[in-house]
Structures are given as C-alpha cells and as structure tokens.
Amino acid sequence: MRAALAALLGAVLSCAAGSAGSSGAAVDTARRIVSLAPNVTELLFAAGAGARIVGASAYSDHPAAARRVPRIGDAFRFDYERILALRPDLVVAWESGTPTAAIVRLRTLGTRVVVLPVGSLDDVATAIETLGRLAGTGRIARRAAADFRARLERLRVDYRGRPALRVFIQLDDQPLFTVTDRHLISEIVSLCGGENVFAGLPGLAPAVDLEAVIVRDPQAILYAGYGMDPAGAWRRYTGITAVRRGNVFKIPPDEIARATPRILGGARRICESLDSARAALIGPGT
C-alpha cells in the first residue's frame, strides 16, 4: 500500500505546473529512448514511439507493452550504469517529477536529455507532438494530439456553466493529502464546475488536517487514492455537507494522476460525479 501511495504521489508531483519550454531542441531523430517517468513512457507510446523505448522507470505500466521495457530505476533513483549500457540517443525527463540532480548527472555523462514540461491539460497535446518530432513519428503524434484536443474541447463545452461546488480532492487518509491549484487535478475540477477548497495552499500535494476539511465544508469529496472505502471512512462526519448528502466519490487514481491522454477519461468521471453531487444538493438537471 505504501508503495502504491508513493507511486501516486510521484505521479501527482509529475503533473505539476511547469515552464513553457523544454531543455533543448531536437537535432537527430531518436531511435533508442530512455524514459525517466511512467507518464513520459505513456506519452511516448501515444506519440507512436513506443517501439523505440529501450529503458523506462518503475511503474511504467501503460499500455501493456510498456511493462516489457527494461527498468532503469524508479522516479527518484536511477541506475546510471544501466542507462548508459542501453546506449540511448535520447533520455526524456519530466520537468517537475525528475530530480534536477539526475538530469545534471546524465548530461555530465554525455547523455542527451530533453525535459518535458506539462503544466496544463492543453500541454499534454503539445508534449505528444514534441515527442513525435524527436522520434520521427510526427504524423502519428499529430493525430493523437488532435484527438486529445478535440476530446478536451468536448468536455469544456459539455460542462461549461455548471453551478459551482466546493470540492475536497483527497489522495490519502493518513495523513490527508490533497492537491493545490498548481496541479492538473485541480484544473479538471475547475473544468467540471468545482472549486478546490485547498486551491490556495502552497506546494503541490500538501498534507492537511481533518479540522481544515470540516471548516471548509466541501459539498463533494473526490478520493483518488488506493485501498480505502472513502464513503465508509467519512461516514461519521455528518457535519460536512458532502458526507451528509452522500457526495463522496472514488476516482481511479491511475486515470487522473498522470498527465497523459488517459487523464480525460478520469476528467469525465470527475465531471459526472460532480453532476451527481449537484443533483443531490439542488435537484436533477443542473
């Protein structure tokens, strides 16, 4: 369970807001690629470059073919000898999720490293296009990026103008982890008409206490963690509107924590959950 939580929080940090550029322009088409993060691995497959991945970090489990790629460490500890032995002509890191020290060391060892920033849902499509250019699979990548943009716009149109709801986004229970407005999950909640009750806290995935949740009185609770029955865990806190109205929802974490095309499936699930919460609060058809 702790390993699963560590993977989730690592993915959460990897979805953090980033700067607008990458660490370098592509010169040659990459044919042997190492991925330093599970979401990077998934994006490479989306860009049509999955067959060129020769090494990937732990928890690179989607699509199924990613599970067969040799491992080169986890998100925070890499086997540099293993990476060099794979003879990559490109290593792809995640701006907010890959330790800066790892990037510096790989460059010092003579490895070409490109750092992908993804700070918003729109940036997911841009990342796919970037990887397509680097790997020489631009046609596939452009098609995947266009599909992502179309699906995202459909979500925005479908849920525009919904009445606002106060939402608590929960990642774990001991301690209570949440996310701030610097994270993609918070952006999704906003897209669905929700207001993250901890949006203004510093950091990305801070721990909060129970009293703070009670004071903010969320109208919906979204649990995107592992192994807990959120409705049962919150049942006794009937002073919270979300609990009293039955608006406690479990969101599969793998659908929402990684900045990849799959995040839109999780986004739609969140939007549908918040629509259900509105119906419980102010009636159907809202």
C-alpha atoms as a PDB file:
ATOM      1  CA  MET A   1       0.000   0.000   0.000  1.00  0.00           C
ATOM      2  CA  ARG A   2       2.781   2.440   0.848  1.00  0.00           C
ATOM      3  CA  ALA A   3       4.500   1.645  -2.449  1.00  0.00           C
ATOM      4  CA  ALA A   4       1.274   2.363  -4.284  1.00  0.00           C
ATOM      5  CA  LEU A   5       0.882   5.661  -2.449  1.00  0.00           C
ATOM      6  CA  ALA A   6       4.480   6.596  -3.244  1.00  0.00           C
ATOM      7  CA  ALA A   7       3.794   5.913  -6.906  1.00  0.00           C
ATOM      8  CA  LEU A   8       0.625   8.015  -6.778  1.00  0.00           C
ATOM      9  CA  LEU A   9       2.340  10.955  -5.093  1.00  0.00           C
ATOM     10  CA  GLY A  10       5.204  10.679  -7.549  1.00  0.00           C
ATOM     11  CA  ALA A  11       2.698  10.884 -10.373  1.00  0.00           C
ATOM     12  CA  VAL A  12       0.996  13.810  -8.674  1.00  0.00           C
ATOM     13  CA  LEU A  13       4.262  15.711  -8.478  1.00  0.00           C
ATOM     14  CA  SER A  14       4.889  14.830 -12.107  1.00  0.00           C
ATOM     15  CA  CYS A  15       1.661  16.590 -13.051  1.00  0.00           C
ATOM     16  CA  ALA A  16       2.856  19.845 -11.522  1.00  0.00           C
ATOM     17  CA  ALA A  17       2.809  23.128 -13.358  1.00  0.00           C
ATOM     18  CA  GLY A  18       5.948  23.725 -15.395  1.00  0.00           C
ATOM     19  CA  SER A  19       7.628  26.358 -17.507  1.00  0.00           C
ATOM     20  CA  ALA A  20       6.854  26.906 -21.144  1.00  0.00           C
ATOM     21  CA  GLY A  21       9.902  25.358 -22.786  1.00  0.00           C
ATOM     22  CA  SER A  22      11.954  22.175 -22.910  1.00  0.00           C
ATOM     23  CA  SER A  23      15.643  21.826 -22.259  1.00  0.00           C
ATOM     24  CA  GLY A  24      16.826  21.657 -25.828  1.00  0.00           C
ATOM     25  CA  ALA A  25      15.863  21.383 -29.464  1.00  0.00           C
ATOM     26  CA  ALA A  26      15.956  18.091 -31.294  1.00  0.00           C
ATOM     27  CA  VAL A  27      18.748  17.687 -33.837  1.00  0.00           C
ATOM     28  CA  ASP A  28      18.631  13.999 -34.791  1.00  0.00           C
ATOM     29  CA  THR A  29      15.795  11.510 -34.845  1.00  0.00           C
ATOM     30  CA  ALA A  30      15.900   9.441 -31.650  1.00  0.00           C
ATOM     31  CA  ARG A  31      15.910   5.679 -32.142  1.00  0.00           C
ATOM     32  CA  ARG A  32      16.902   4.474 -28.665  1.00  0.00           C
ATOM     33  CA  ILE A  33      14.940   6.282 -25.962  1.00  0.00           C
ATOM     34  CA  VAL A  34      15.015   6.007 -22.180  1.00  0.00           C
ATOM     35  CA  SER A  35      12.030   7.319 -20.214  1.00  0.00           C
ATOM     36  CA  LEU A  36      12.531   8.594 -16.661  1.00  0.00           C
ATOM     37  CA  ALA A  37       8.849   8.693 -15.669  1.00  0.00           C
ATOM     38  CA  PRO A  38       5.760   6.491 -16.197  1.00  0.00           C
ATOM     39  CA  ASN A  39       3.775   9.322 -17.763  1.00  0.00           C
ATOM     40  CA  VAL A  40       6.639  10.024 -20.186  1.00  0.00           C
ATOM     41  CA  THR A  41       6.564   6.351 -21.193  1.00  0.00           C
ATOM     42  CA  GLU A  42       2.832   6.544 -21.829  1.00  0.00           C
ATOM     43  CA  LEU A  43       3.207   9.749 -23.842  1.00  0.00           C
ATOM     44  CA  LEU A  44       5.928   8.142 -25.962  1.00  0.00           C
ATOM     45  CA  PHE A  45       3.566   5.308 -26.839  1.00  0.00           C
ATOM     46  CA  ALA A  46       0.822   7.826 -27.633  1.00  0.00           C
ATOM     47  CA  ALA A  47       3.248   9.608 -29.957  1.00  0.00           C
ATOM     48  CA  GLY A  48       3.959   6.375 -31.836  1.00  0.00           C
ATOM     49  CA  ALA A  49       7.433   5.950 -30.356  1.00  0.00           C
ATOM     50  CA  GLY A  50       6.817   3.009 -28.037  1.00  0.00           C
ATOM     51  CA  ALA A  51       8.948   0.622 -30.073  1.00  0.00           C
ATOM     52  CA  ARG A  52      11.926   2.946 -29.608  1.00  0.00           C
ATOM     53  CA  ILE A  53      11.887   2.843 -25.799  1.00  0.00           C
ATOM     54  CA  VAL A  54      14.836   0.762 -24.568  1.00  0.00           C
ATOM     55  CA  GLY A  55      14.505   1.610 -20.875  1.00  0.00           C
ATOM     56  CA  ALA A  56      11.847   3.034 -18.567  1.00  0.00           C
ATOM     57  CA  SER A  57      11.325   3.850 -14.898  1.00  0.00           C
ATOM     58  CA  ALA A  58       9.329   1.706 -12.492  1.00  0.00           C
ATOM     59  CA  TYR A  59       5.512   1.836 -12.695  1.00  0.00           C
ATOM     60  CA  SER A  60       5.623   2.310 -16.474  1.00  0.00           C
ATOM     61  CA  ASP A  61       2.637   0.005 -16.878  1.00  0.00           C
ATOM     62  CA  HIS A  62       0.503   1.504 -19.640  1.00  0.00           C
ATOM     63  CA  PRO A  63      -0.059   0.389 -22.328  1.00  0.00           C
ATOM     64  CA  ALA A  64       0.593  -3.294 -21.694  1.00  0.00           C
ATOM     65  CA  ALA A  65       3.664  -3.236 -23.944  1.00  0.00           C
ATOM     66  CA  ALA A  66       5.312  -0.770 -21.547  1.00  0.00           C
ATOM     67  CA  ARG A  67       5.564  -3.498 -18.907  1.00  0.00           C
ATOM     68  CA  ARG A  68       8.038  -5.390 -21.057  1.00  0.00           C
ATOM     69  CA  VAL A  69      10.501  -2.487 -21.291  1.00  0.00           C
ATOM     70  CA  PRO A  70      13.667  -2.962 -19.148  1.00  0.00           C
ATOM     71  CA  ARG A  71      13.661  -0.947 -15.910  1.00  0.00           C
ATOM     72  CA  ILE A  72      16.294   1.662 -15.127  1.00  0.00           C
ATOM     73  CA  GLY A  73      15.191   2.645 -11.605  1.00  0.00           C
ATOM     74  CA  ASP A  74      12.246   4.489 -10.116  1.00  0.00           C
ATOM     75  CA  ALA A  75      11.261   8.131 -10.312  1.00  0.00           C
ATOM     76  CA  PHE A  76      13.886   9.228  -7.780  1.00  0.00           C
ATOM     77  CA  ARG A  77      16.755   6.690  -8.000  1.00  0.00           C
ATOM     78  CA  PHE A  78      18.198   5.697 -11.356  1.00  0.00           C
ATOM     79  CA  ASP A  79      20.747   3.062 -12.333  1.00  0.00           C
ATOM     80  CA  TYR A  80      23.108   5.229 -14.368  1.00  0.00           C
ATOM     81  CA  GLU A  81      25.299   2.319 -15.438  1.00  0.00           C
ATOM     82  CA  ARG A  82      22.234   0.528 -16.746  1.00  0.00           C
ATOM     83  CA  ILE A  83      21.097   3.621 -18.635  1.00  0.00           C
ATOM     84  CA  LEU A  84      24.497   4.060 -20.299  1.00  0.00           C
ATOM     85  CA  ALA A  85      24.649   0.357 -21.172  1.00  0.00           C
ATOM     86  CA  LEU A  86      21.404   0.759 -23.120  1.00  0.00           C
ATOM     87  CA  ARG A  87      23.177   3.293 -25.394  1.00  0.00           C
ATOM     88  CA  PRO A  88      20.267   5.760 -25.608  1.00  0.00           C
ATOM     89  CA  ASP A  89      20.427   8.608 -28.094  1.00  0.00           C
ATOM     90  CA  LEU A  90      17.705  10.361 -26.081  1.00  0.00           C
ATOM     91  CA  VAL A  91      16.627  10.393 -22.439  1.00  0.00           C
ATOM     92  CA  VAL A  92      13.289  12.049 -21.674  1.00  0.00           C
ATOM     93  CA  ALA A  93      12.705  13.535 -18.219  1.00  0.00           C
ATOM     94  CA  TRP A  94       9.695  15.160 -16.582  1.00  0.00           C
ATOM     95  CA  GLU A  95      10.267  18.738 -15.502  1.00  0.00           C
ATOM     96  CA  SER A  96       8.502  18.571 -12.152  1.00  0.00           C
ATOM     97  CA  GLY A  97       8.927  14.857 -11.450  1.00  0.00           C
ATOM     98  CA  THR A  98      12.551  14.065 -12.327  1.00  0.00           C
ATOM     99  CA  PRO A  99      15.141  15.256  -9.792  1.00  0.00           C
ATOM    100  CA  THR A 100      17.323  18.029 -11.207  1.00  0.00           C
ATOM    101  CA  ALA A 101      20.410  16.233  -9.908  1.00  0.00           C
ATOM    102  CA  ALA A 102      19.587  13.210 -12.067  1.00  0.00           C
ATOM    103  CA  ILE A 103      19.225  15.361 -15.170  1.00  0.00           C
ATOM    104  CA  VAL A 104      22.526  17.126 -14.479  1.00  0.00           C
ATOM    105  CA  ARG A 105      24.345  13.842 -13.887  1.00  0.00           C
ATOM    106  CA  LEU A 106      23.048  12.265 -17.095  1.00  0.00           C
ATOM    107  CA  ARG A 107      24.125  15.305 -19.096  1.00  0.00           C
ATOM    108  CA  THR A 108      27.517  15.227 -17.423  1.00  0.00           C
ATOM    109  CA  LEU A 109      27.832  11.618 -18.556  1.00  0.00           C
ATOM    110  CA  GLY A 110      27.291  12.787 -22.125  1.00  0.00           C
ATOM    111  CA  THR A 111      23.662  11.766 -22.488  1.00  0.00           C
ATOM    112  CA  ARG A 112      21.228  13.885 -24.463  1.00  0.00           C
ATOM    113  CA  VAL A 113      18.358  14.750 -22.110  1.00  0.00           C
ATOM    114  CA  VAL A 114      15.153  16.521 -23.054  1.00  0.00           C
ATOM    115  CA  VAL A 115      12.881  17.732 -20.255  1.00  0.00           C
ATOM    116  CA  LEU A 116       9.132  17.824 -20.901  1.00  0.00           C
ATOM    117  CA  PRO A 117       7.073  20.450 -19.084  1.00  0.00           C
ATOM    118  CA  VAL A 118       3.332  19.881 -18.730  1.00  0.00           C
ATOM    119  CA  GLY A 119       1.554  22.469 -16.599  1.00  0.00           C
ATOM    120  CA  SER A 120      -1.963  22.255 -18.034  1.00  0.00           C
ATOM    121  CA  LEU A 121      -4.277  19.913 -19.870  1.00  0.00           C
ATOM    122  CA  ASP A 122      -3.524  21.711 -23.130  1.00  0.00           C
ATOM    123  CA  ASP A 123       0.168  20.956 -22.627  1.00  0.00           C
ATOM    124  CA  VAL A 124      -0.464  17.193 -22.861  1.00  0.00           C
ATOM    125  CA  ALA A 125      -1.139  17.507 -26.591  1.00  0.00           C
ATOM    126  CA  THR A 126       1.938  19.690 -27.022  1.00  0.00           C
ATOM    127  CA  ALA A 127       4.080  17.088 -25.238  1.00  0.00           C
ATOM    128  CA  ILE A 128       2.850  14.356 -27.590  1.00  0.00           C
ATOM    129  CA  GLU A 129       3.745  16.496 -30.603  1.00  0.00           C
ATOM    130  CA  THR A 130       7.185  17.250 -29.156  1.00  0.00           C
ATOM    131  CA  LEU A 131       7.920  13.563 -28.660  1.00  0.00           C
ATOM    132  CA  GLY A 132       6.728  12.809 -32.171  1.00  0.00           C
ATOM    133  CA  ARG A 133       9.197  15.318 -33.582  1.00  0.00           C
ATOM    134  CA  LEU A 134      12.025  13.887 -31.507  1.00  0.00           C
ATOM    135  CA  ALA A 135      11.275  10.299 -32.514  1.00  0.00           C
ATOM    136  CA  GLY A 136      10.406  10.941 -36.136  1.00  0.00           C
ATOM    137  CA  THR A 137       6.802   9.800 -35.628  1.00  0.00           C
ATOM    138  CA  GLY A 138       5.250  13.194 -36.215  1.00  0.00           C
ATOM    139  CA  ARG A 139       2.260  12.021 -38.236  1.00  0.00           C
ATOM    140  CA  ILE A 140       1.078   9.627 -35.528  1.00  0.00           C
ATOM    141  CA  ALA A 141       1.799  12.186 -32.810  1.00  0.00           C
ATOM    142  CA  ARG A 142      -0.101  14.977 -34.558  1.00  0.00           C
ATOM    143  CA  ARG A 143      -3.106  12.711 -34.967  1.00  0.00           C
ATOM    144  CA  ALA A 144      -3.009  11.724 -31.276  1.00  0.00           C
ATOM    145  CA  ALA A 145      -2.612  15.356 -30.210  1.00  0.00           C
ATOM    146  CA  ALA A 146      -5.530  16.473 -32.381  1.00  0.00           C
ATOM    147  CA  ASP A 147      -7.717  13.733 -30.888  1.00  0.00           C
ATOM    148  CA  PHE A 148      -6.762  14.812 -27.365  1.00  0.00           C
ATOM    149  CA  ARG A 149      -7.583  18.459 -28.118  1.00  0.00           C
ATOM    150  CA  ALA A 150     -10.954  17.530 -29.618  1.00  0.00           C
ATOM    151  CA  ARG A 151     -11.898  15.406 -26.604  1.00  0.00           C
ATOM    152  CA  LEU A 152     -10.775  18.148 -24.210  1.00  0.00           C
ATOM    153  CA  GLU A 153     -12.833  20.778 -26.042  1.00  0.00           C
ATOM    154  CA  ARG A 154     -15.847  18.464 -25.933  1.00  0.00           C
ATOM    155  CA  LEU A 155     -15.500  18.234 -22.154  1.00  0.00           C
ATOM    156  CA  ARG A 156     -15.229  22.009 -21.843  1.00  0.00           C
ATOM    157  CA  VAL A 157     -18.351  22.504 -23.930  1.00  0.00           C
ATOM    158  CA  ASP A 158     -20.304  19.779 -22.135  1.00  0.00           C
ATOM    159  CA  TYR A 159     -19.631  21.143 -18.642  1.00  0.00           C
ATOM    160  CA  ARG A 160     -19.430  24.878 -19.228  1.00  0.00           C
ATOM    161  CA  GLY A 161     -21.582  26.984 -16.926  1.00  0.00           C
ATOM    162  CA  ARG A 162     -22.304  24.378 -14.272  1.00  0.00           C
ATOM    163  CA  PRO A 163     -23.177  25.745 -10.787  1.00  0.00           C
ATOM    164  CA  ALA A 164     -20.049  25.881  -8.646  1.00  0.00           C
ATOM    165  CA  LEU A 165     -19.415  23.266  -5.955  1.00  0.00           C
ATOM    166  CA  ARG A 166     -16.880  23.272  -3.115  1.00  0.00           C
ATOM    167  CA  VAL A 167     -14.694  20.179  -3.630  1.00  0.00           C
ATOM    168  CA  PHE A 168     -12.138  18.413  -1.445  1.00  0.00           C
ATOM    169  CA  ILE A 169      -9.657  16.362  -3.502  1.00  0.00           C
ATOM    170  CA  GLN A 170      -8.247  13.558  -1.344  1.00  0.00           C
ATOM    171  CA  LEU A 171      -5.217  11.393  -2.215  1.00  0.00           C
ATOM    172  CA  ASP A 172      -4.766   9.502   1.055  1.00  0.00           C
ATOM    173  CA  ASP A 173      -6.110   9.373   4.590  1.00  0.00           C
ATOM    174  CA  GLN A 174      -3.038   9.055   6.873  1.00  0.00           C
ATOM    175  CA  PRO A 175      -2.183  11.851   6.571  1.00  0.00           C
ATOM    176  CA  LEU A 176      -4.804  13.583   4.469  1.00  0.00           C
ATOM    177  CA  PHE A 177      -3.057  14.549   1.242  1.00  0.00           C
ATOM    178  CA  THR A 178      -4.675  16.896  -1.253  1.00  0.00           C
ATOM    179  CA  VAL A 179      -3.592  18.995  -4.250  1.00  0.00           C
ATOM    180  CA  THR A 180      -3.443  22.738  -4.837  1.00  0.00           C
ATOM    181  CA  ASP A 181      -4.422  24.824  -7.842  1.00  0.00           C
ATOM    182  CA  ARG A 182      -0.978  24.194  -9.371  1.00  0.00           C
ATOM    183  CA  HIS A 183      -1.999  20.663 -10.242  1.00  0.00           C
ATOM    184  CA  LEU A 184      -3.871  19.219 -13.220  1.00  0.00           C
ATOM    185  CA  ILE A 185      -6.434  17.510 -10.989  1.00  0.00           C
ATOM    186  CA  SER A 186      -7.446  20.924  -9.669  1.00  0.00           C
ATOM    187  CA  GLU A 187      -7.710  22.212 -13.246  1.00  0.00           C
ATOM    188  CA  ILE A 188     -10.019  19.304 -14.055  1.00  0.00           C
ATOM    189  CA  VAL A 189     -12.205  20.047 -11.055  1.00  0.00           C
ATOM    190  CA  SER A 190     -12.485  23.664 -12.256  1.00  0.00           C
ATOM    191  CA  LEU A 191     -13.367  22.488 -15.772  1.00  0.00           C
ATOM    192  CA  CYS A 192     -16.201  20.459 -14.222  1.00  0.00           C
ATOM    193  CA  GLY A 193     -17.513  23.459 -12.299  1.00  0.00           C
ATOM    194  CA  GLY A 194     -15.871  22.652  -8.966  1.00  0.00           C
ATOM    195  CA  GLU A 195     -13.831  24.842  -6.649  1.00  0.00           C
ATOM    196  CA  ASN A 196     -10.880  23.155  -4.932  1.00  0.00           C
ATOM    197  CA  VAL A 197     -11.233  24.094  -1.255  1.00  0.00           C
ATOM    198  CA  PHE A 198      -7.446  23.892  -0.802  1.00  0.00           C
ATOM    199  CA  ALA A 199      -6.535  25.584  -4.079  1.00  0.00           C
ATOM    200  CA  GLY A 200      -4.576  28.379  -2.431  1.00  0.00           C
ATOM    201  CA  LEU A 201      -2.240  26.341  -0.251  1.00  0.00           C
ATOM    202  CA  PRO A 202       1.485  26.408  -1.084  1.00  0.00           C
ATOM    203  CA  GLY A 203       3.137  23.473  -2.805  1.00  0.00           C
ATOM    204  CA  LEU A 204       1.579  20.798  -4.968  1.00  0.00           C
ATOM    205  CA  ALA A 205       0.334  17.935  -2.779  1.00  0.00           C
ATOM    206  CA  PRO A 206       0.261  19.183   0.830  1.00  0.00           C
ATOM    207  CA  ALA A 207      -0.976  17.332   3.869  1.00  0.00           C
ATOM    208  CA  VAL A 208      -3.999  18.898   5.597  1.00  0.00           C
ATOM    209  CA  ASP A 209      -5.773  18.126   8.837  1.00  0.00           C
ATOM    210  CA  LEU A 210      -9.318  16.954   9.379  1.00  0.00           C
ATOM    211  CA  GLU A 211     -10.337  20.182  11.089  1.00  0.00           C
ATOM    212  CA  ALA A 212      -9.377  22.177   7.987  1.00  0.00           C
ATOM    213  CA  VAL A 213     -11.606  19.978   5.840  1.00  0.00           C
ATOM    214  CA  ILE A 214     -14.510  20.379   8.263  1.00  0.00           C
ATOM    215  CA  VAL A 215     -14.108  24.171   8.352  1.00  0.00           C
ATOM    216  CA  ARG A 216     -14.145  24.384   4.533  1.00  0.00           C
ATOM    217  CA  ASP A 217     -17.267  22.162   4.428  1.00  0.00           C
ATOM    218  CA  PRO A 218     -16.878  20.711   0.911  1.00  0.00           C
ATOM    219  CA  GLN A 219     -20.049  19.842  -0.977  1.00  0.00           C
ATOM    220  CA  ALA A 220     -18.265  16.950  -2.709  1.00  0.00           C
ATOM    221  CA  ILE A 221     -15.268  14.784  -1.803  1.00  0.00           C
ATOM    222  CA  LEU A 222     -13.237  13.127  -4.561  1.00  0.00           C
ATOM    223  CA  TYR A 223     -10.962  10.325  -3.369  1.00  0.00           C
ATOM    224  CA  ALA A 224      -8.239   9.463  -5.891  1.00  0.00           C
ATOM    225  CA  GLY A 225      -6.212   7.076  -3.772  1.00  0.00           C
ATOM    226  CA  TYR A 226      -5.666   3.361  -3.184  1.00  0.00           C
ATOM    227  CA  GLY A 227      -7.328   0.839  -0.944  1.00  0.00           C
ATOM    228  CA  MET A 228      -9.717   2.921   1.135  1.00  0.00           C
ATOM    229  CA  ASP A 229     -13.510   2.961   1.103  1.00  0.00           C
ATOM    230  CA  PRO A 230     -13.984   6.747   1.197  1.00  0.00           C
ATOM    231  CA  ALA A 231     -17.728   6.678   1.853  1.00  0.00           C
ATOM    232  CA  GLY A 232     -17.180   4.427   4.854  1.00  0.00           C
ATOM    233  CA  ALA A 233     -14.209   6.413   6.141  1.00  0.00           C
ATOM    234  CA  TRP A 234     -16.111   9.709   6.065  1.00  0.00           C
ATOM    235  CA  ARG A 235     -19.497   8.343   7.221  1.00  0.00           C
ATOM    236  CA  ARG A 236     -19.336   9.656  10.780  1.00  0.00           C
ATOM    237  CA  TYR A 237     -18.505  13.248   9.778  1.00  0.00           C
ATOM    238  CA  THR A 238     -22.083  14.229   9.023  1.00  0.00           C
ATOM    239  CA  GLY A 239     -21.349  17.900   9.710  1.00  0.00           C
ATOM    240  CA  ILE A 240     -19.683  18.002   6.276  1.00  0.00           C
ATOM    241  CA  THR A 241     -22.186  18.686   3.512  1.00  0.00           C
ATOM    242  CA  ALA A 242     -20.566  16.184   1.129  1.00  0.00           C
ATOM    243  CA  VAL A 243     -20.948  13.390   3.687  1.00  0.00           C
ATOM    244  CA  ARG A 244     -24.475  14.323   4.706  1.00  0.00           C
ATOM    245  CA  ARG A 245     -25.651  14.345   1.063  1.00  0.00           C
ATOM    246  CA  GLY A 246     -23.787  11.217   0.015  1.00  0.00           C
ATOM    247  CA  ASN A 247     -21.421  13.115  -2.264  1.00  0.00           C
ATOM    248  CA  VAL A 248     -18.246  11.104  -1.598  1.00  0.00           C
ATOM    249  CA  PHE A 249     -16.800   9.603  -4.779  1.00  0.00           C
ATOM    250  CA  LYS A 250     -13.920   7.246  -5.546  1.00  0.00           C
ATOM    251  CA  ILE A 251     -11.932   8.133  -8.693  1.00  0.00           C
ATOM    252  CA  PRO A 252      -9.448   5.523 -10.042  1.00  0.00           C
ATOM    253  CA  PRO A 253      -6.076   7.173  -9.349  1.00  0.00           C
ATOM    254  CA  ASP A 254      -4.359   5.841 -12.461  1.00  0.00           C
ATOM    255  CA  GLU A 255      -6.909   7.682 -14.603  1.00  0.00           C
ATOM    256  CA  ILE A 256      -6.289  11.051 -13.021  1.00  0.00           C
ATOM    257  CA  ALA A 257      -2.738  11.287 -11.638  1.00  0.00           C
ATOM    258  CA  ARG A 258      -0.750  11.045 -14.884  1.00  0.00           C
ATOM    259  CA  ALA A 259      -0.640  13.781 -17.489  1.00  0.00           C
ATOM    260  CA  THR A 260      -1.375  11.513 -20.468  1.00  0.00           C
ATOM    261  CA  PRO A 261      -4.338  11.062 -22.845  1.00  0.00           C
ATOM    262  CA  ARG A 262      -5.996   8.777 -20.295  1.00  0.00           C
ATOM    263  CA  ILE A 263      -6.488  11.734 -17.973  1.00  0.00           C
ATOM    264  CA  LEU A 264      -9.529  12.814 -19.991  1.00  0.00           C
ATOM    265  CA  GLY A 265     -11.332   9.606 -19.056  1.00  0.00           C
ATOM    266  CA  GLY A 266     -10.726  10.441 -15.415  1.00  0.00           C
ATOM    267  CA  ALA A 267     -11.796  14.030 -16.072  1.00  0.00           C
ATOM    268  CA  ARG A 268     -15.141  12.916 -17.469  1.00  0.00           C
ATOM    269  CA  ARG A 269     -15.627  10.648 -14.470  1.00  0.00           C
ATOM    270  CA  ILE A 270     -14.995  13.620 -12.162  1.00  0.00           C
ATOM    271  CA  CYS A 271     -17.433  15.796 -14.116  1.00  0.00           C
ATOM    272  CA  GLU A 272     -20.109  13.095 -13.907  1.00  0.00           C
ATOM    273  CA  SER A 273     -19.502  12.703 -10.171  1.00  0.00           C
ATOM    274  CA  LEU A 274     -19.888  16.446  -9.606  1.00  0.00           C
ATOM    275  CA  ASP A 275     -23.096  16.447 -11.661  1.00  0.00           C
ATOM    276  CA  SER A 276     -24.371  13.695  -9.368  1.00  0.00           C
ATOM    277  CA  ALA A 277     -23.405  15.838  -6.369  1.00  0.00           C
ATOM    278  CA  ARG A 278     -25.329  18.816  -7.795  1.00  0.00           C
ATOM    279  CA  ALA A 279     -28.396  16.651  -8.266  1.00  0.00           C
ATOM    280  CA  ALA A 280     -28.178  15.586  -4.619  1.00  0.00           C
ATOM    281  CA  LEU A 281     -27.839  19.211  -3.499  1.00  0.00           C
ATOM    282  CA  ILE A 282     -30.153  21.199  -5.751  1.00  0.00           C
ATOM    283  CA  GLY A 283     -32.040  18.691  -7.863  1.00  0.00           C
ATOM    284  CA  PRO A 284     -31.530  16.985 -11.240  1.00  0.00           C
ATOM    285  CA  GLY A 285     -30.963  18.813 -14.495  1.00  0.00           C
ATOM    286  CA  THR A 286     -28.427  21.269 -13.058  1.00  0.00           C
END
